[in-house]
Amino acid sequence: MKFPALFGRIAFSTLAALIGAAFALPLLWFLFAPFNARAELGLAIPDPFTLSNFNTVFGNGFAMQALWNSLIQAVGGVILVGAAATLAAYALSRSSIPGKGAVTYILLLFSSVVSGSAAMVPIFLIISAAGLMDTHLAVILTFAGGLLPTAMFILRDFIDSIPKSYEESAMVAGASPVQAFFDVALPVIRPGIVVIVVWSFVNIWGSFLIPFILLRSSANMPAAVAIYSFYSEAGTPVVTLLAAYSLIYSLPVVALYLFVSWRFGFRFFGGIKA
């Protein structure tokens, strides 16, 4: 191997190692800090090792209730978005409505601001007028309104790749359109629905602004808001407790990704193998 080529490979490997270390070191701190009695930035390996941080966090009733609230809001939003997006995307894909593509793109365009800070004032007024303030339903409906158009857009492209002949063959054999959807189309598009479910869950689970504005009582606050209970009155984080709660807070998302990877792997595609 010539010297310039060898030098280039060494330089590339060194650069890649530095970039990897830049991402790995914060992750290592995130994993080890909750077990450290002194979660300082310079300490990666727990010294001394302790579980007292988790004992304190689990003893915080507000923080534990917040995790349950996050689960309620995330699961409720995922069910609503997944069911509505599947039916709407299938209808748009299989119908012959003029301008259905334009409708999808317009919905996608407006959805980019529905859940953003620019739309929070009208959302607040609508939720207040409907009498849903300080309820899980308010958060679920707001998230669904923001995520549904994008979910429809993603799932519709997925359904468009599936030949209509699958359902047509079932209907020729005597199945009704509803039976053709549930027995033929739905099993084929299930991986696409899983993509929507994971994407929606992550978006709702990690959101702060919407629940912070629409909820009032501490009994309904999600974990994204409750995490600020581990800050002092002066705004200084209690690093040991914050690290422990952050690790607990991230576990449901990690578990969801691992489950999807185990169940579906990377097979997020449509169609039936011949």
Protein backbone atom coordinates (compact mmCIF):
# COMPACT_ATOMS: atom_id res chain seq x y z
CA MET A 1 0.00 0.00 0.00
CA LYS A 2 1.35 3.39 -0.99
CA PHE A 3 2.11 5.94 1.73
CA PRO A 4 -0.53 8.53 0.68
CA ALA A 5 -3.25 5.88 0.72
CA LEU A 6 -2.06 4.53 4.09
CA PHE A 7 -1.93 8.04 5.53
CA GLY A 8 -5.45 8.73 4.24
CA ARG A 9 -6.84 5.60 5.88
CA ILE A 10 -5.13 6.39 9.17
CA ALA A 11 -6.46 9.96 9.08
CA PHE A 12 -9.96 8.75 8.27
CA SER A 13 -9.91 6.12 11.04
CA THR A 14 -8.64 8.70 13.54
CA LEU A 15 -11.36 11.17 12.58
CA ALA A 16 -14.03 8.47 12.77
CA ALA A 17 -12.76 7.43 16.22
CA LEU A 18 -12.89 11.02 17.47
CA ILE A 19 -16.42 11.51 16.18
CA GLY A 20 -17.48 8.20 17.72
CA ALA A 21 -15.95 9.18 21.06
CA ALA A 22 -17.76 12.53 20.95
CA PHE A 23 -21.07 10.65 20.76
CA ALA A 24 -20.11 7.75 23.03
CA LEU A 25 -18.79 9.68 26.03
CA PRO A 26 -22.07 11.50 26.81
CA LEU A 27 -23.93 8.22 26.37
CA LEU A 28 -21.56 6.46 28.77
CA TRP A 29 -22.06 9.22 31.32
CA PHE A 30 -25.83 8.92 30.86
CA LEU A 31 -25.65 5.17 31.58
CA PHE A 32 -23.29 5.32 34.56
CA ALA A 33 -24.22 8.60 36.27
CA PRO A 34 -27.45 7.29 37.86
CA PHE A 35 -25.39 4.72 39.80
CA ASN A 36 -22.89 7.30 41.01
CA ALA A 37 -23.16 9.02 44.36
CA ARG A 38 -21.49 12.04 42.76
CA ALA A 39 -22.76 12.37 39.18
CA GLU A 40 -20.10 14.79 38.04
CA LEU A 41 -19.22 15.34 34.42
CA GLY A 42 -15.69 14.06 34.93
CA LEU A 43 -16.78 10.73 36.44
CA ALA A 44 -17.83 7.96 34.08
CA ILE A 45 -17.36 4.83 36.19
CA PRO A 46 -19.50 4.99 39.36
CA ASP A 47 -17.30 5.84 42.33
CA PRO A 48 -18.78 4.97 44.72
CA PHE A 49 -21.52 2.75 43.25
CA THR A 50 -24.95 3.37 44.74
CA LEU A 51 -28.65 2.77 44.13
CA SER A 52 -29.74 5.57 46.44
CA ASN A 53 -30.52 7.82 43.47
CA PHE A 54 -33.14 5.38 42.23
CA ASN A 55 -34.53 4.93 45.74
CA THR A 56 -35.07 8.67 45.99
CA VAL A 57 -36.63 8.88 42.53
CA PHE A 58 -39.00 5.96 43.16
CA GLY A 59 -39.98 7.63 46.41
CA ASN A 60 -41.06 10.75 44.51
CA GLY A 61 -44.79 10.16 43.99
CA PHE A 62 -45.14 13.09 41.60
CA ALA A 63 -42.39 11.81 39.31
CA MET A 64 -43.73 8.25 39.29
CA GLN A 65 -47.29 9.41 38.57
CA ALA A 66 -45.90 11.51 35.73
CA LEU A 67 -44.49 8.40 34.05
CA TRP A 68 -47.92 6.80 34.18
CA ASN A 69 -49.47 9.97 32.75
CA SER A 70 -46.97 9.94 29.90
CA LEU A 71 -47.90 6.34 29.15
CA ILE A 72 -51.62 7.16 29.12
CA GLN A 73 -51.14 10.10 26.76
CA ALA A 74 -48.70 8.29 24.47
CA VAL A 75 -50.75 5.09 24.18
CA GLY A 76 -53.99 7.04 23.70
CA GLY A 77 -52.43 9.18 21.00
CA VAL A 78 -50.85 6.19 19.28
CA ILE A 79 -54.16 4.30 19.15
CA LEU A 80 -56.01 7.32 17.75
CA VAL A 81 -53.33 8.23 15.21
CA GLY A 82 -52.73 4.62 14.15
CA ALA A 83 -56.42 3.77 13.63
CA ALA A 84 -57.38 7.04 11.94
CA ALA A 85 -54.28 7.20 9.74
CA THR A 86 -54.72 3.61 8.58
CA LEU A 87 -58.35 4.07 7.56
CA ALA A 88 -57.81 7.52 6.03
CA ALA A 89 -54.66 6.53 4.14
CA TYR A 90 -56.32 3.39 2.77
CA ALA A 91 -59.34 5.39 1.63
CA LEU A 92 -57.17 8.02 -0.07
CA SER A 93 -55.03 5.37 -1.72
CA ARG A 94 -57.86 3.24 -3.07
CA SER A 95 -60.46 5.91 -3.86
CA SER A 96 -60.75 7.90 -7.08
CA ILE A 97 -61.41 11.26 -5.43
CA PRO A 98 -60.19 14.12 -7.67
CA GLY A 99 -57.39 16.11 -6.10
CA LYS A 100 -56.74 13.66 -3.29
CA GLY A 101 -53.01 14.19 -3.66
CA ALA A 102 -53.39 17.93 -3.18
CA VAL A 103 -55.57 17.36 -0.12
CA THR A 104 -52.88 15.18 1.43
CA TYR A 105 -50.15 17.73 0.80
CA ILE A 106 -52.28 20.60 2.15
CA LEU A 107 -53.00 18.64 5.33
CA LEU A 108 -49.31 17.87 5.67
CA LEU A 109 -48.44 21.54 5.21
CA PHE A 110 -50.88 22.74 7.86
CA SER A 111 -49.91 19.96 10.27
CA SER A 112 -46.44 21.43 10.51
CA VAL A 113 -47.84 24.27 12.62
CA VAL A 114 -50.75 22.57 14.40
CA SER A 115 -48.60 21.31 17.27
CA GLY A 116 -46.05 24.13 17.13
CA SER A 117 -45.77 27.14 19.37
CA ALA A 118 -47.39 29.39 16.74
CA ALA A 119 -50.67 27.46 17.02
CA MET A 120 -50.80 27.09 20.80
CA VAL A 121 -53.04 30.13 21.36
CA PRO A 122 -55.91 28.91 19.12
CA ILE A 123 -55.41 25.37 20.40
CA PHE A 124 -55.65 26.63 23.97
CA LEU A 125 -58.85 28.56 23.17
CA ILE A 126 -60.43 25.57 21.41
CA ILE A 127 -59.58 23.17 24.23
CA SER A 128 -60.83 25.67 26.81
CA ALA A 129 -64.11 26.23 24.94
CA ALA A 130 -64.62 22.48 24.71
CA GLY A 131 -64.19 22.13 28.47
CA LEU A 132 -61.24 19.77 28.13
CA MET A 133 -58.59 21.79 29.95
CA ASP A 134 -56.43 19.80 32.35
CA THR A 135 -57.43 16.42 30.90
CA HIS A 136 -55.50 13.66 29.20
CA LEU A 137 -58.03 13.78 26.36
CA ALA A 138 -57.01 17.35 25.53
CA VAL A 139 -53.38 16.32 25.11
CA ILE A 140 -54.27 13.21 23.12
CA LEU A 141 -56.54 15.09 20.70
CA THR A 142 -54.00 17.87 20.20
CA PHE A 143 -51.22 15.44 19.42
CA ALA A 144 -53.47 13.44 17.12
CA GLY A 145 -54.38 16.59 15.18
CA GLY A 146 -50.71 17.42 14.71
CA LEU A 147 -49.44 13.94 13.87
CA LEU A 148 -52.32 12.54 11.83
CA PRO A 149 -51.66 14.31 8.49
CA THR A 150 -48.01 13.24 8.42
CA ALA A 151 -48.99 9.71 9.45
CA MET A 152 -51.53 9.62 6.61
CA PHE A 153 -48.90 10.85 4.16
CA ILE A 154 -46.38 8.20 5.20
CA LEU A 155 -48.90 5.37 5.26
CA ARG A 156 -50.57 6.34 2.01
CA ASP A 157 -47.27 6.08 0.12
CA PHE A 158 -46.81 2.69 1.75
CA ILE A 159 -50.28 1.50 0.67
CA ASP A 160 -49.82 2.86 -2.86
CA SER A 161 -46.96 0.39 -3.32
CA ILE A 162 -49.34 -2.55 -2.74
CA PRO A 163 -51.19 -3.74 -5.89
CA LYS A 164 -54.96 -3.34 -5.81
CA SER A 165 -55.22 -6.83 -7.27
CA TYR A 166 -54.81 -8.29 -3.77
CA GLU A 167 -58.13 -6.90 -2.56
CA GLU A 168 -59.79 -7.35 -5.97
CA SER A 169 -58.95 -11.06 -5.95
CA ALA A 170 -60.52 -11.43 -2.52
CA MET A 171 -63.69 -9.61 -3.60
CA VAL A 172 -63.95 -11.76 -6.73
CA ALA A 173 -63.86 -14.77 -4.39
CA GLY A 174 -66.85 -13.33 -2.50
CA ALA A 175 -65.34 -11.14 0.19
CA SER A 176 -66.89 -7.78 0.99
CA PRO A 177 -64.76 -4.61 0.79
CA VAL A 178 -64.54 -4.57 4.59
CA GLN A 179 -63.42 -8.20 4.67
CA ALA A 180 -60.88 -7.52 1.91
CA PHE A 181 -59.43 -4.69 3.98
CA PHE A 182 -59.17 -6.56 7.27
CA ASP A 183 -58.23 -9.99 5.90
CA VAL A 184 -56.02 -9.05 2.95
CA ALA A 185 -54.79 -5.45 3.07
CA LEU A 186 -54.34 -4.95 6.80
CA PRO A 187 -51.88 -7.84 7.32
CA VAL A 188 -49.79 -6.55 4.40
CA ILE A 189 -49.62 -2.95 5.63
CA ARG A 190 -48.99 -3.92 9.25
CA PRO A 191 -45.25 -3.05 9.10
CA GLY A 192 -46.17 0.43 7.90
CA ILE A 193 -48.59 0.81 10.79
CA VAL A 194 -45.79 -0.18 13.17
CA VAL A 195 -43.65 2.62 11.74
CA ILE A 196 -46.46 5.09 12.47
CA VAL A 197 -46.93 3.69 15.96
CA VAL A 198 -43.26 4.02 16.88
CA TRP A 199 -42.98 7.49 15.36
CA SER A 200 -46.13 8.72 17.13
CA PHE A 201 -45.13 7.22 20.48
CA VAL A 202 -41.70 8.86 20.42
CA ASN A 203 -43.16 12.25 19.48
CA ILE A 204 -45.79 12.20 22.22
CA TRP A 205 -43.56 10.66 24.89
CA GLY A 206 -40.90 13.33 24.58
CA SER A 207 -43.11 16.40 24.12
CA PHE A 208 -43.04 19.19 26.68
CA LEU A 209 -44.86 22.25 25.30
CA ILE A 210 -48.37 20.89 24.68
CA PRO A 211 -48.95 19.20 28.07
CA PHE A 212 -47.26 22.10 29.86
CA ILE A 213 -49.80 24.54 28.39
CA LEU A 214 -52.95 22.39 28.42
CA LEU A 215 -52.55 20.77 31.84
CA ARG A 216 -52.84 22.50 35.18
CA SER A 217 -52.83 19.95 37.99
CA SER A 218 -49.71 18.06 38.97
CA ALA A 219 -51.73 14.83 38.94
CA ASN A 220 -51.96 14.96 35.13
CA MET A 221 -48.48 16.21 34.25
CA PRO A 222 -46.34 13.88 32.09
CA ALA A 223 -42.73 12.98 32.77
CA ALA A 224 -41.41 15.54 30.27
CA VAL A 225 -42.78 18.25 32.58
CA ALA A 226 -42.23 16.46 35.88
CA ILE A 227 -38.52 16.12 35.19
CA TYR A 228 -38.19 19.75 36.26
CA SER A 229 -39.05 18.73 39.80
CA PHE A 230 -35.42 17.60 40.05
CA TYR A 231 -34.24 21.19 39.78
CA SER A 232 -33.69 23.39 42.80
CA GLU A 233 -35.63 26.61 43.36
CA ALA A 234 -32.68 28.49 41.90
CA GLY A 235 -32.92 26.46 38.67
CA THR A 236 -29.88 24.29 39.39
CA PRO A 237 -30.34 20.61 38.49
CA VAL A 238 -29.86 17.94 41.12
CA VAL A 239 -27.65 15.97 38.75
CA THR A 240 -27.73 12.62 40.54
CA LEU A 241 -31.54 12.47 40.68
CA LEU A 242 -31.95 14.01 37.23
CA ALA A 243 -29.67 11.36 35.74
CA ALA A 244 -31.56 8.53 37.43
CA TYR A 245 -34.96 9.82 36.35
CA SER A 246 -33.75 10.47 32.81
CA LEU A 247 -32.58 6.87 32.54
CA ILE A 248 -35.95 5.58 33.77
CA TYR A 249 -37.74 8.01 31.44
CA SER A 250 -35.86 6.70 28.39
CA LEU A 251 -36.48 3.00 29.08
CA PRO A 252 -40.01 2.74 27.52
CA VAL A 253 -38.78 4.18 24.21
CA VAL A 254 -35.74 1.89 24.20
CA ALA A 255 -37.95 -1.10 25.04
CA LEU A 256 -40.31 -0.20 22.21
CA TYR A 257 -37.46 -0.01 19.69
CA LEU A 258 -36.03 -3.32 20.89
CA PHE A 259 -39.43 -5.00 20.66
CA VAL A 260 -40.04 -3.71 17.14
CA SER A 261 -36.54 -4.72 16.09
CA TRP A 262 -37.06 -8.21 17.54
CA ARG A 263 -40.54 -8.61 16.07
CA PHE A 264 -40.09 -6.97 12.68
CA GLY A 265 -36.37 -6.37 12.26
CA PHE A 266 -35.76 -4.02 9.33
CA ARG A 267 -38.60 -5.46 7.25
CA PHE A 268 -40.58 -2.25 6.97
CA PHE A 269 -41.83 -2.82 3.46
CA GLY A 270 -45.07 -3.78 1.82
CA GLY A 271 -46.11 -6.40 -0.63
CA ILE A 272 -46.42 -10.18 -0.52
CA LYS A 273 -43.61 -12.49 -1.44
CA ALA A 274 -44.28 -14.61 -4.43
